[in-house]
Amino acid sequence: MPTLVLNDVPVPLYDQIQRLALARQRTPADTAVEVLETAFRAKAPTLTDAPLPQEPYLTEEICAPCSIPRPEGKPARTVRVEKPLPTPHDLPDAE
């Protein structure tokens, strides 16, 4: 059976589960599972039928710029690179 671990449970909620478990003479884990089952049965028959929190907001795709603009009035400067040139990492034969 799968295990569920709950971190950072608020103290009032933990105390309420403890009191309910003592009243029903069950373990706190069994009581928490029972409360979760009851809550899910009462709210929605299945999780897939639950509505989205809000409608998805789709925007137009914006392409990234292909080049960085050069400062106005300054000519482009070429840079000579000595061999061996670096190998691209994304090529299948580059190892």
N, C-alpha and C. Protein backbone atom coordinates (compact mmCIF):
# COMPACT_ATOMS: atom_id res chain seq x y z
N MET A 1 0.85 -1.18 0.00
CA MET A 1 0.00 0.00 0.00
C MET A 1 0.89 1.23 0.00
N PRO A 2 0.57 2.26 -0.79
CA PRO A 2 1.39 3.47 -0.85
C PRO A 2 1.37 4.22 0.47
N THR A 3 2.40 5.01 0.69
CA THR A 3 2.55 5.80 1.90
C THR A 3 2.46 7.27 1.55
N LEU A 4 1.75 8.04 2.37
CA LEU A 4 1.64 9.48 2.20
C LEU A 4 2.22 10.15 3.43
N VAL A 5 3.17 11.05 3.22
CA VAL A 5 3.78 11.79 4.32
C VAL A 5 3.35 13.24 4.18
N LEU A 6 2.81 13.81 5.24
CA LEU A 6 2.38 15.21 5.24
C LEU A 6 3.34 16.01 6.10
N ASN A 7 4.00 16.98 5.48
CA ASN A 7 4.91 17.86 6.21
C ASN A 7 4.21 19.16 6.55
N ASP A 8 4.65 19.79 7.61
CA ASP A 8 4.18 21.12 8.02
C ASP A 8 2.67 21.17 8.21
N VAL A 9 2.11 20.20 8.90
CA VAL A 9 0.68 20.21 9.22
C VAL A 9 0.47 21.25 10.32
N PRO A 10 -0.48 22.16 10.15
CA PRO A 10 -0.73 23.16 11.18
C PRO A 10 -1.11 22.49 12.51
N VAL A 11 -0.65 23.06 13.59
CA VAL A 11 -0.87 22.48 14.93
C VAL A 11 -2.36 22.31 15.23
N PRO A 12 -3.23 23.29 14.95
CA PRO A 12 -4.65 23.08 15.24
C PRO A 12 -5.24 21.89 14.48
N LEU A 13 -4.86 21.71 13.23
CA LEU A 13 -5.36 20.58 12.45
C LEU A 13 -4.83 19.26 13.01
N TYR A 14 -3.56 19.23 13.38
CA TYR A 14 -2.98 18.02 13.97
C TYR A 14 -3.68 17.66 15.27
N ASP A 15 -3.93 18.67 16.11
CA ASP A 15 -4.63 18.42 17.37
C ASP A 15 -6.05 17.91 17.13
N GLN A 16 -6.71 18.44 16.12
CA GLN A 16 -8.06 17.99 15.81
C GLN A 16 -8.06 16.53 15.36
N ILE A 17 -7.08 16.15 14.55
CA ILE A 17 -6.98 14.76 14.11
C ILE A 17 -6.69 13.86 15.31
N GLN A 18 -5.83 14.30 16.21
CA GLN A 18 -5.51 13.51 17.41
C GLN A 18 -6.76 13.29 18.28
N ARG A 19 -7.54 14.36 18.48
CA ARG A 19 -8.75 14.24 19.30
C ARG A 19 -9.77 13.30 18.65
N LEU A 20 -9.93 13.43 17.34
CA LEU A 20 -10.87 12.57 16.62
C LEU A 20 -10.42 11.11 16.68
N ALA A 21 -9.12 10.87 16.58
CA ALA A 21 -8.58 9.51 16.65
C ALA A 21 -8.81 8.91 18.04
N LEU A 22 -8.62 9.70 19.08
CA LEU A 22 -8.86 9.20 20.44
C LEU A 22 -10.34 8.89 20.65
N ALA A 23 -11.22 9.74 20.12
CA ALA A 23 -12.65 9.52 20.29
C ALA A 23 -13.10 8.26 19.56
N ARG A 24 -12.51 7.96 18.43
CA ARG A 24 -12.90 6.78 17.66
C ARG A 24 -12.04 5.56 17.97
N GLN A 25 -11.08 5.73 18.85
CA GLN A 25 -10.17 4.66 19.25
C GLN A 25 -9.46 4.06 18.04
N ARG A 26 -8.90 4.95 17.22
CA ARG A 26 -8.15 4.56 16.03
C ARG A 26 -6.83 5.31 16.02
N THR A 27 -5.97 4.95 15.10
CA THR A 27 -4.70 5.67 14.99
C THR A 27 -4.94 6.98 14.26
N PRO A 28 -4.07 7.98 14.48
CA PRO A 28 -4.21 9.24 13.74
C PRO A 28 -4.11 9.04 12.23
N ALA A 29 -3.27 8.11 11.78
CA ALA A 29 -3.13 7.86 10.34
C ALA A 29 -4.43 7.32 9.75
N ASP A 30 -5.06 6.35 10.44
CA ASP A 30 -6.33 5.81 9.96
C ASP A 30 -7.41 6.88 9.94
N THR A 31 -7.40 7.74 10.94
CA THR A 31 -8.40 8.81 11.02
C THR A 31 -8.19 9.81 9.89
N ALA A 32 -6.94 10.16 9.60
CA ALA A 32 -6.67 11.11 8.52
C ALA A 32 -7.10 10.53 7.17
N VAL A 33 -6.85 9.25 6.94
CA VAL A 33 -7.26 8.61 5.69
C VAL A 33 -8.78 8.61 5.58
N GLU A 34 -9.44 8.32 6.67
CA GLU A 34 -10.90 8.32 6.67
C GLU A 34 -11.47 9.70 6.36
N VAL A 35 -10.89 10.73 6.95
CA VAL A 35 -11.35 12.10 6.71
C VAL A 35 -11.11 12.48 5.25
N LEU A 36 -9.95 12.12 4.69
CA LEU A 36 -9.67 12.42 3.29
C LEU A 36 -10.64 11.70 2.35
N GLU A 37 -10.92 10.43 2.62
CA GLU A 37 -11.86 9.68 1.79
C GLU A 37 -13.24 10.32 1.82
N THR A 38 -13.70 10.71 3.00
CA THR A 38 -15.00 11.34 3.15
C THR A 38 -15.06 12.66 2.40
N ALA A 39 -13.99 13.45 2.49
CA ALA A 39 -13.96 14.75 1.82
C ALA A 39 -14.00 14.59 0.31
N PHE A 40 -13.26 13.62 -0.23
CA PHE A 40 -13.25 13.44 -1.68
C PHE A 40 -14.57 12.86 -2.18
N ARG A 41 -15.21 12.00 -1.41
CA ARG A 41 -16.50 11.46 -1.82
C ARG A 41 -17.56 12.55 -1.84
N ALA A 42 -17.50 13.48 -0.89
CA ALA A 42 -18.52 14.53 -0.79
C ALA A 42 -18.34 15.60 -1.86
N LYS A 43 -17.11 15.89 -2.28
CA LYS A 43 -16.88 16.99 -3.21
C LYS A 43 -17.03 16.59 -4.66
N ALA A 44 -16.31 15.61 -5.12
CA ALA A 44 -16.34 15.24 -6.53
C ALA A 44 -16.25 13.72 -6.65
N PRO A 45 -17.04 13.12 -7.56
CA PRO A 45 -16.97 11.68 -7.72
C PRO A 45 -15.59 11.21 -8.16
N THR A 46 -14.96 11.95 -9.07
CA THR A 46 -13.61 11.61 -9.50
C THR A 46 -12.80 12.88 -9.61
N LEU A 47 -11.50 12.75 -9.54
CA LEU A 47 -10.64 13.92 -9.63
C LEU A 47 -10.63 14.51 -11.04
N THR A 48 -10.89 13.69 -12.06
CA THR A 48 -10.87 14.18 -13.43
C THR A 48 -12.06 15.06 -13.74
N ASP A 49 -13.15 14.95 -12.99
CA ASP A 49 -14.33 15.77 -13.22
C ASP A 49 -14.23 17.14 -12.56
N ALA A 50 -13.22 17.36 -11.75
CA ALA A 50 -13.09 18.63 -11.06
C ALA A 50 -12.77 19.73 -12.07
N PRO A 51 -13.40 20.90 -11.94
CA PRO A 51 -13.14 21.98 -12.91
C PRO A 51 -11.77 22.60 -12.69
N LEU A 52 -11.26 23.23 -13.74
CA LEU A 52 -10.00 23.95 -13.62
C LEU A 52 -10.20 25.16 -12.71
N PRO A 53 -9.16 25.60 -11.99
CA PRO A 53 -9.30 26.77 -11.13
C PRO A 53 -9.71 28.01 -11.91
N GLN A 54 -9.19 28.17 -13.11
CA GLN A 54 -9.59 29.25 -13.99
C GLN A 54 -9.31 28.82 -15.41
N GLU A 55 -9.91 29.49 -16.35
CA GLU A 55 -9.70 29.14 -17.75
C GLU A 55 -8.25 29.38 -18.13
N PRO A 56 -7.67 28.51 -18.94
CA PRO A 56 -6.29 28.73 -19.35
C PRO A 56 -6.16 30.02 -20.15
N TYR A 57 -5.11 30.74 -19.90
CA TYR A 57 -4.87 32.00 -20.58
C TYR A 57 -3.74 31.78 -21.56
N LEU A 58 -4.08 31.68 -22.85
CA LEU A 58 -3.09 31.43 -23.88
C LEU A 58 -2.76 32.74 -24.58
N THR A 59 -1.48 33.00 -24.74
CA THR A 59 -1.06 34.22 -25.41
C THR A 59 -0.38 33.87 -26.73
N GLU A 60 -0.16 34.89 -27.52
CA GLU A 60 0.53 34.70 -28.79
C GLU A 60 1.99 34.39 -28.52
N GLU A 61 2.54 33.47 -29.30
CA GLU A 61 3.94 33.11 -29.13
C GLU A 61 4.81 34.25 -29.63
N ILE A 62 5.83 34.59 -28.84
CA ILE A 62 6.75 35.65 -29.20
C ILE A 62 8.11 35.02 -29.44
N CYS A 63 8.66 35.22 -30.63
CA CYS A 63 9.96 34.64 -30.97
C CYS A 63 11.06 35.48 -30.34
N ALA A 64 12.12 34.81 -29.94
CA ALA A 64 13.28 35.50 -29.40
C ALA A 64 14.02 36.18 -30.55
N PRO A 65 14.71 37.30 -30.26
CA PRO A 65 15.46 37.95 -31.33
C PRO A 65 16.61 37.06 -31.80
N CYS A 66 16.90 37.11 -33.09
CA CYS A 66 17.96 36.28 -33.65
C CYS A 66 19.34 36.88 -33.44
N SER A 67 19.41 38.16 -33.25
CA SER A 67 20.72 38.79 -33.08
C SER A 67 20.59 39.92 -32.07
N ILE A 68 21.72 40.29 -31.53
CA ILE A 68 21.76 41.40 -30.57
C ILE A 68 22.03 42.67 -31.38
N PRO A 69 21.25 43.71 -31.18
CA PRO A 69 21.49 44.93 -31.96
C PRO A 69 22.82 45.56 -31.58
N ARG A 70 23.51 46.11 -32.59
CA ARG A 70 24.79 46.78 -32.36
C ARG A 70 24.53 48.23 -31.97
N PRO A 71 25.44 48.82 -31.22
CA PRO A 71 25.29 50.24 -30.88
C PRO A 71 25.33 51.09 -32.15
N GLU A 72 24.53 52.10 -32.17
CA GLU A 72 24.43 52.96 -33.35
C GLU A 72 25.75 53.70 -33.58
N GLY A 73 26.15 53.79 -34.85
CA GLY A 73 27.32 54.57 -35.22
C GLY A 73 28.65 53.87 -35.05
N LYS A 74 28.68 52.65 -34.51
CA LYS A 74 29.94 51.95 -34.33
C LYS A 74 30.01 50.80 -35.33
N PRO A 75 31.10 50.69 -36.08
CA PRO A 75 31.20 49.60 -37.04
C PRO A 75 31.43 48.26 -36.34
N ALA A 76 31.03 47.19 -37.02
CA ALA A 76 31.24 45.85 -36.47
C ALA A 76 32.71 45.50 -36.59
N ARG A 77 33.24 44.81 -35.60
CA ARG A 77 34.64 44.43 -35.57
C ARG A 77 34.73 42.92 -35.71
N THR A 78 35.57 42.46 -36.61
CA THR A 78 35.74 41.03 -36.78
C THR A 78 36.80 40.53 -35.82
N VAL A 79 36.63 39.31 -35.37
CA VAL A 79 37.58 38.69 -34.44
C VAL A 79 38.08 37.42 -35.08
N ARG A 80 39.38 37.25 -35.16
CA ARG A 80 39.96 36.06 -35.74
C ARG A 80 40.23 35.06 -34.60
N VAL A 81 39.79 33.82 -34.81
CA VAL A 81 39.96 32.77 -33.81
C VAL A 81 40.95 31.76 -34.37
N GLU A 82 41.98 31.45 -33.59
CA GLU A 82 42.99 30.49 -34.01
C GLU A 82 42.42 29.08 -33.92
N LYS A 83 42.90 28.18 -34.78
CA LYS A 83 42.49 26.78 -34.75
C LYS A 83 43.13 26.12 -33.56
N PRO A 84 42.62 25.10 -32.98
CA PRO A 84 41.38 24.42 -33.33
C PRO A 84 40.17 25.15 -32.75
N LEU A 85 39.12 25.20 -33.53
CA LEU A 85 37.87 25.82 -33.09
C LEU A 85 37.16 24.88 -32.13
N PRO A 86 36.40 25.41 -31.19
CA PRO A 86 35.65 24.55 -30.27
C PRO A 86 34.62 23.72 -31.03
N THR A 87 34.36 22.53 -30.55
CA THR A 87 33.37 21.64 -31.14
C THR A 87 32.01 21.91 -30.53
N PRO A 88 30.96 22.04 -31.33
CA PRO A 88 29.63 22.23 -30.76
C PRO A 88 29.22 21.02 -29.92
N HIS A 89 28.56 21.27 -28.81
CA HIS A 89 28.17 20.20 -27.88
C HIS A 89 26.92 19.46 -28.32
N ASP A 90 26.14 20.08 -29.20
CA ASP A 90 24.87 19.47 -29.56
C ASP A 90 24.92 18.60 -30.81
N LEU A 91 26.07 18.39 -31.39
CA LEU A 91 26.18 17.52 -32.53
C LEU A 91 26.34 16.07 -32.07
N PRO A 92 25.71 15.11 -32.77
CA PRO A 92 25.78 13.71 -32.31
C PRO A 92 27.19 13.14 -32.38
N ASP A 93 28.04 13.62 -33.31
CA ASP A 93 29.38 13.05 -33.45
C ASP A 93 30.41 13.76 -32.60
N ALA A 94 30.01 14.73 -31.79
CA ALA A 94 30.96 15.54 -31.02
C ALA A 94 31.26 14.86 -29.70
N GLU A 95 32.27 14.02 -29.66
CA GLU A 95 32.71 13.40 -28.41
C GLU A 95 34.18 13.25 -28.36
